[in-house]
Amino acid sequence: MVPAEVSALGTYAYDLADVLRNALGSAAKEVDRTCGSDWRSTASKSFAKGWDECRVNGEAIIDALTTMANSLGVTAETHAGADNQFAAELKSSSLDLPPL
């Protein structure tokens, strides 16, 4: 595992979640504006119900993506810390190893 690559993937996932969150928010404003106008019919009620389901599930996906991004960052930091600690322990080892 390359910690920098895992961290970069976490950053990408977080940025993607941010873009998706903004896009969903913009779409929600447009839908609210449309559904809040004079559009009153069976079709408008069906559309509003479908949109609400889409919005709720979209938010759940975005939240999961954000959680994954945070986990990737923590994983990379933890691995890098353990790797650095192991390297420090090897340097202070009583073994007489040749330099790399």
N, C-alpha and C. Protein backbone atom coordinates (compact mmCIF):
# COMPACT_ATOMS: atom_id res chain seq x y z
N MET A 1 0.84 -1.17 0.00
CA MET A 1 0.00 0.00 0.00
C MET A 1 0.89 1.24 0.00
N VAL A 2 0.55 2.18 -0.84
CA VAL A 2 1.27 3.44 -0.91
C VAL A 2 0.40 4.51 -0.24
N PRO A 3 0.78 4.96 0.96
CA PRO A 3 -0.07 5.89 1.70
C PRO A 3 -0.45 7.15 0.92
N ALA A 4 0.47 7.68 0.14
CA ALA A 4 0.16 8.90 -0.63
C ALA A 4 -0.94 8.64 -1.64
N GLU A 5 -0.93 7.45 -2.26
CA GLU A 5 -1.97 7.12 -3.24
C GLU A 5 -3.32 6.90 -2.57
N VAL A 6 -3.31 6.27 -1.41
CA VAL A 6 -4.55 6.05 -0.67
C VAL A 6 -5.12 7.39 -0.22
N SER A 7 -4.25 8.26 0.26
CA SER A 7 -4.67 9.59 0.67
C SER A 7 -5.22 10.38 -0.52
N ALA A 8 -4.58 10.26 -1.68
CA ALA A 8 -5.05 10.95 -2.88
C ALA A 8 -6.42 10.43 -3.29
N LEU A 9 -6.63 9.13 -3.17
CA LEU A 9 -7.94 8.54 -3.48
C LEU A 9 -9.00 9.07 -2.51
N GLY A 10 -8.64 9.19 -1.25
CA GLY A 10 -9.56 9.75 -0.26
C GLY A 10 -9.92 11.19 -0.58
N THR A 11 -8.93 11.97 -1.00
CA THR A 11 -9.18 13.37 -1.40
C THR A 11 -10.10 13.42 -2.61
N TYR A 12 -9.85 12.56 -3.58
CA TYR A 12 -10.69 12.51 -4.78
C TYR A 12 -12.14 12.16 -4.41
N ALA A 13 -12.30 11.16 -3.55
CA ALA A 13 -13.65 10.75 -3.14
C ALA A 13 -14.35 11.87 -2.38
N TYR A 14 -13.61 12.58 -1.54
CA TYR A 14 -14.20 13.69 -0.79
C TYR A 14 -14.61 14.82 -1.74
N ASP A 15 -13.73 15.15 -2.69
CA ASP A 15 -14.05 16.20 -3.67
C ASP A 15 -15.27 15.81 -4.51
N LEU A 16 -15.34 14.55 -4.90
CA LEU A 16 -16.49 14.06 -5.67
C LEU A 16 -17.77 14.18 -4.86
N ALA A 17 -17.71 13.81 -3.59
CA ALA A 17 -18.88 13.93 -2.72
C ALA A 17 -19.32 15.38 -2.60
N ASP A 18 -18.36 16.29 -2.53
CA ASP A 18 -18.68 17.72 -2.44
C ASP A 18 -19.37 18.21 -3.71
N VAL A 19 -18.87 17.79 -4.87
CA VAL A 19 -19.49 18.18 -6.15
C VAL A 19 -20.90 17.61 -6.24
N LEU A 20 -21.06 16.35 -5.87
CA LEU A 20 -22.39 15.73 -5.91
C LEU A 20 -23.36 16.39 -4.93
N ARG A 21 -22.86 16.75 -3.75
CA ARG A 21 -23.71 17.42 -2.76
C ARG A 21 -24.20 18.77 -3.30
N ASN A 22 -23.30 19.52 -3.93
CA ASN A 22 -23.69 20.81 -4.52
C ASN A 22 -24.68 20.63 -5.66
N ALA A 23 -24.45 19.63 -6.50
CA ALA A 23 -25.36 19.38 -7.63
C ALA A 23 -26.74 18.97 -7.13
N LEU A 24 -26.78 18.11 -6.13
CA LEU A 24 -28.06 17.69 -5.57
C LEU A 24 -28.79 18.87 -4.93
N GLY A 25 -28.04 19.74 -4.27
CA GLY A 25 -28.64 20.92 -3.67
C GLY A 25 -29.22 21.86 -4.71
N SER A 26 -28.49 22.05 -5.82
CA SER A 26 -29.00 22.90 -6.91
C SER A 26 -30.25 22.30 -7.53
N ALA A 27 -30.23 21.00 -7.75
CA ALA A 27 -31.40 20.34 -8.32
C ALA A 27 -32.59 20.46 -7.36
N ALA A 28 -32.33 20.33 -6.07
CA ALA A 28 -33.41 20.43 -5.08
C ALA A 28 -34.06 21.80 -5.12
N LYS A 29 -33.25 22.84 -5.28
CA LYS A 29 -33.81 24.20 -5.37
C LYS A 29 -34.71 24.34 -6.58
N GLU A 30 -34.27 23.80 -7.71
CA GLU A 30 -35.08 23.86 -8.94
C GLU A 30 -36.38 23.08 -8.79
N VAL A 31 -36.29 21.90 -8.22
CA VAL A 31 -37.48 21.08 -8.04
C VAL A 31 -38.44 21.76 -7.06
N ASP A 32 -37.91 22.30 -5.97
CA ASP A 32 -38.76 22.99 -5.00
C ASP A 32 -39.46 24.18 -5.65
N ARG A 33 -38.73 24.88 -6.49
CA ARG A 33 -39.31 26.03 -7.19
C ARG A 33 -40.42 25.57 -8.13
N THR A 34 -40.19 24.48 -8.84
CA THR A 34 -41.19 23.96 -9.78
C THR A 34 -42.41 23.41 -9.05
N CYS A 35 -42.15 22.59 -8.05
CA CYS A 35 -43.26 21.97 -7.32
C CYS A 35 -43.99 22.97 -6.42
N GLY A 36 -43.31 24.04 -6.06
CA GLY A 36 -43.94 25.04 -5.21
C GLY A 36 -44.75 26.05 -5.99
N SER A 37 -44.69 25.98 -7.32
CA SER A 37 -45.44 26.92 -8.15
C SER A 37 -46.88 26.45 -8.29
N ASP A 38 -47.48 26.76 -9.40
CA ASP A 38 -48.89 26.42 -9.62
C ASP A 38 -49.09 25.02 -10.18
N TRP A 39 -48.07 24.22 -10.21
CA TRP A 39 -48.19 22.87 -10.77
C TRP A 39 -48.86 21.97 -9.74
N ARG A 40 -50.13 21.76 -9.91
CA ARG A 40 -50.91 20.93 -8.99
C ARG A 40 -51.68 19.89 -9.81
N SER A 41 -51.27 18.66 -9.69
CA SER A 41 -51.95 17.58 -10.41
C SER A 41 -51.47 16.25 -9.84
N THR A 42 -52.04 15.19 -10.36
CA THR A 42 -51.60 13.85 -9.96
C THR A 42 -50.15 13.65 -10.37
N ALA A 43 -49.80 14.16 -11.56
CA ALA A 43 -48.42 14.03 -12.05
C ALA A 43 -47.45 14.77 -11.13
N SER A 44 -47.83 15.95 -10.66
CA SER A 44 -46.93 16.71 -9.79
C SER A 44 -46.71 15.98 -8.47
N LYS A 45 -47.75 15.35 -7.95
CA LYS A 45 -47.62 14.60 -6.70
C LYS A 45 -46.72 13.38 -6.90
N SER A 46 -46.88 12.70 -8.02
CA SER A 46 -46.03 11.54 -8.32
C SER A 46 -44.58 11.96 -8.50
N PHE A 47 -44.39 13.08 -9.21
CA PHE A 47 -43.03 13.58 -9.42
C PHE A 47 -42.39 13.95 -8.09
N ALA A 48 -43.13 14.66 -7.24
CA ALA A 48 -42.60 15.07 -5.94
C ALA A 48 -42.21 13.86 -5.09
N LYS A 49 -43.03 12.83 -5.13
CA LYS A 49 -42.73 11.61 -4.37
C LYS A 49 -41.46 10.94 -4.91
N GLY A 50 -41.35 10.84 -6.23
CA GLY A 50 -40.16 10.25 -6.84
C GLY A 50 -38.92 11.07 -6.57
N TRP A 51 -39.05 12.38 -6.64
CA TRP A 51 -37.91 13.27 -6.38
C TRP A 51 -37.45 13.13 -4.94
N ASP A 52 -38.39 13.07 -4.00
CA ASP A 52 -38.02 12.95 -2.60
C ASP A 52 -37.22 11.67 -2.36
N GLU A 53 -37.65 10.58 -2.99
CA GLU A 53 -36.92 9.31 -2.87
C GLU A 53 -35.52 9.44 -3.47
N CYS A 54 -35.43 10.08 -4.61
CA CYS A 54 -34.13 10.29 -5.27
C CYS A 54 -33.21 11.14 -4.40
N ARG A 55 -33.75 12.21 -3.84
CA ARG A 55 -32.95 13.12 -3.01
C ARG A 55 -32.45 12.42 -1.75
N VAL A 56 -33.33 11.70 -1.07
CA VAL A 56 -32.95 11.01 0.17
C VAL A 56 -31.87 9.97 -0.12
N ASN A 57 -32.05 9.17 -1.17
CA ASN A 57 -31.05 8.15 -1.51
C ASN A 57 -29.76 8.78 -2.01
N GLY A 58 -29.87 9.89 -2.73
CA GLY A 58 -28.67 10.61 -3.17
C GLY A 58 -27.87 11.11 -1.98
N GLU A 59 -28.56 11.65 -0.98
CA GLU A 59 -27.87 12.11 0.23
C GLU A 59 -27.19 10.96 0.95
N ALA A 60 -27.84 9.80 0.97
CA ALA A 60 -27.24 8.62 1.63
C ALA A 60 -25.97 8.18 0.90
N ILE A 61 -26.00 8.21 -0.43
CA ILE A 61 -24.82 7.84 -1.21
C ILE A 61 -23.69 8.83 -0.96
N ILE A 62 -24.02 10.11 -0.96
CA ILE A 62 -23.01 11.14 -0.73
C ILE A 62 -22.41 11.01 0.67
N ASP A 63 -23.25 10.74 1.67
CA ASP A 63 -22.74 10.53 3.03
C ASP A 63 -21.81 9.33 3.09
N ALA A 64 -22.16 8.25 2.40
CA ALA A 64 -21.31 7.05 2.38
C ALA A 64 -19.98 7.34 1.69
N LEU A 65 -20.02 8.13 0.62
CA LEU A 65 -18.80 8.49 -0.09
C LEU A 65 -17.90 9.35 0.80
N THR A 66 -18.50 10.26 1.56
CA THR A 66 -17.74 11.10 2.48
C THR A 66 -17.11 10.25 3.59
N THR A 67 -17.86 9.30 4.11
CA THR A 67 -17.34 8.40 5.14
C THR A 67 -16.17 7.58 4.59
N MET A 68 -16.32 7.09 3.37
CA MET A 68 -15.25 6.32 2.74
C MET A 68 -14.01 7.19 2.55
N ALA A 69 -14.20 8.44 2.12
CA ALA A 69 -13.08 9.36 1.93
C ALA A 69 -12.34 9.59 3.24
N ASN A 70 -13.09 9.81 4.30
CA ASN A 70 -12.47 10.01 5.62
C ASN A 70 -11.72 8.76 6.06
N SER A 71 -12.29 7.59 5.83
CA SER A 71 -11.65 6.34 6.22
C SER A 71 -10.35 6.12 5.44
N LEU A 72 -10.35 6.46 4.17
CA LEU A 72 -9.13 6.30 3.37
C LEU A 72 -8.03 7.20 3.89
N GLY A 73 -8.38 8.42 4.28
CA GLY A 73 -7.38 9.34 4.83
C GLY A 73 -6.81 8.83 6.14
N VAL A 74 -7.68 8.32 7.01
CA VAL A 74 -7.24 7.79 8.30
C VAL A 74 -6.37 6.55 8.08
N THR A 75 -6.77 5.69 7.16
CA THR A 75 -6.00 4.48 6.86
C THR A 75 -4.60 4.84 6.37
N ALA A 76 -4.52 5.81 5.47
CA ALA A 76 -3.22 6.22 4.94
C ALA A 76 -2.33 6.79 6.04
N GLU A 77 -2.92 7.63 6.90
CA GLU A 77 -2.14 8.24 7.99
C GLU A 77 -1.67 7.18 8.98
N THR A 78 -2.54 6.24 9.31
CA THR A 78 -2.20 5.18 10.25
C THR A 78 -1.08 4.30 9.69
N HIS A 79 -1.21 3.93 8.42
CA HIS A 79 -0.19 3.09 7.80
C HIS A 79 1.15 3.83 7.73
N ALA A 80 1.12 5.09 7.35
CA ALA A 80 2.36 5.87 7.27
C ALA A 80 3.01 5.99 8.64
N GLY A 81 2.20 6.20 9.68
CA GLY A 81 2.73 6.29 11.04
C GLY A 81 3.37 4.99 11.48
N ALA A 82 2.72 3.88 11.21
CA ALA A 82 3.27 2.57 11.58
C ALA A 82 4.54 2.29 10.80
N ASP A 83 4.55 2.66 9.53
CA ASP A 83 5.73 2.46 8.69
C ASP A 83 6.91 3.29 9.20
N ASN A 84 6.64 4.53 9.56
CA ASN A 84 7.70 5.40 10.09
C ASN A 84 8.22 4.88 11.43
N GLN A 85 7.33 4.39 12.28
CA GLN A 85 7.74 3.84 13.57
C GLN A 85 8.62 2.61 13.36
N PHE A 86 8.22 1.74 12.44
CA PHE A 86 9.01 0.54 12.16
C PHE A 86 10.39 0.92 11.62
N ALA A 87 10.43 1.91 10.74
CA ALA A 87 11.71 2.36 10.19
C ALA A 87 12.61 2.91 11.29
N ALA A 88 12.04 3.66 12.22
CA ALA A 88 12.83 4.21 13.32
C ALA A 88 13.37 3.09 14.21
N GLU A 89 12.56 2.07 14.43
CA GLU A 89 13.00 0.94 15.25
C GLU A 89 14.14 0.19 14.56
N LEU A 90 14.08 0.07 13.25
CA LEU A 90 15.16 -0.60 12.53
C LEU A 90 16.46 0.19 12.62
N LYS A 91 16.36 1.51 12.57
CA LYS A 91 17.57 2.35 12.67
C LYS A 91 18.24 2.20 14.02
N SER A 92 17.43 2.01 15.07
CA SER A 92 18.01 1.90 16.41
C SER A 92 18.28 0.45 16.80
N SER A 93 18.19 -0.45 15.84
CA SER A 93 18.41 -1.87 16.09
C SER A 93 19.88 -2.12 16.41
N SER A 94 20.12 -3.15 17.19
CA SER A 94 21.49 -3.52 17.53
C SER A 94 22.16 -4.32 16.41
N LEU A 95 21.40 -4.62 15.37
CA LEU A 95 21.98 -5.34 14.24
C LEU A 95 22.91 -4.41 13.48
N ASP A 96 24.00 -4.93 13.03
CA ASP A 96 24.94 -4.13 12.25
C ASP A 96 24.66 -4.37 10.77
N LEU A 97 23.67 -3.65 10.25
CA LEU A 97 23.25 -3.84 8.87
C LEU A 97 23.95 -2.83 7.97
N PRO A 98 24.29 -3.24 6.75
CA PRO A 98 24.90 -2.30 5.82
C PRO A 98 23.86 -1.28 5.35
N PRO A 99 24.28 -0.07 5.00
CA PRO A 99 23.33 0.93 4.51
C PRO A 99 22.73 0.49 3.18
N LEU A 100 21.55 0.97 2.91
CA LEU A 100 20.88 0.62 1.65
C LEU A 100 21.42 1.41 0.52
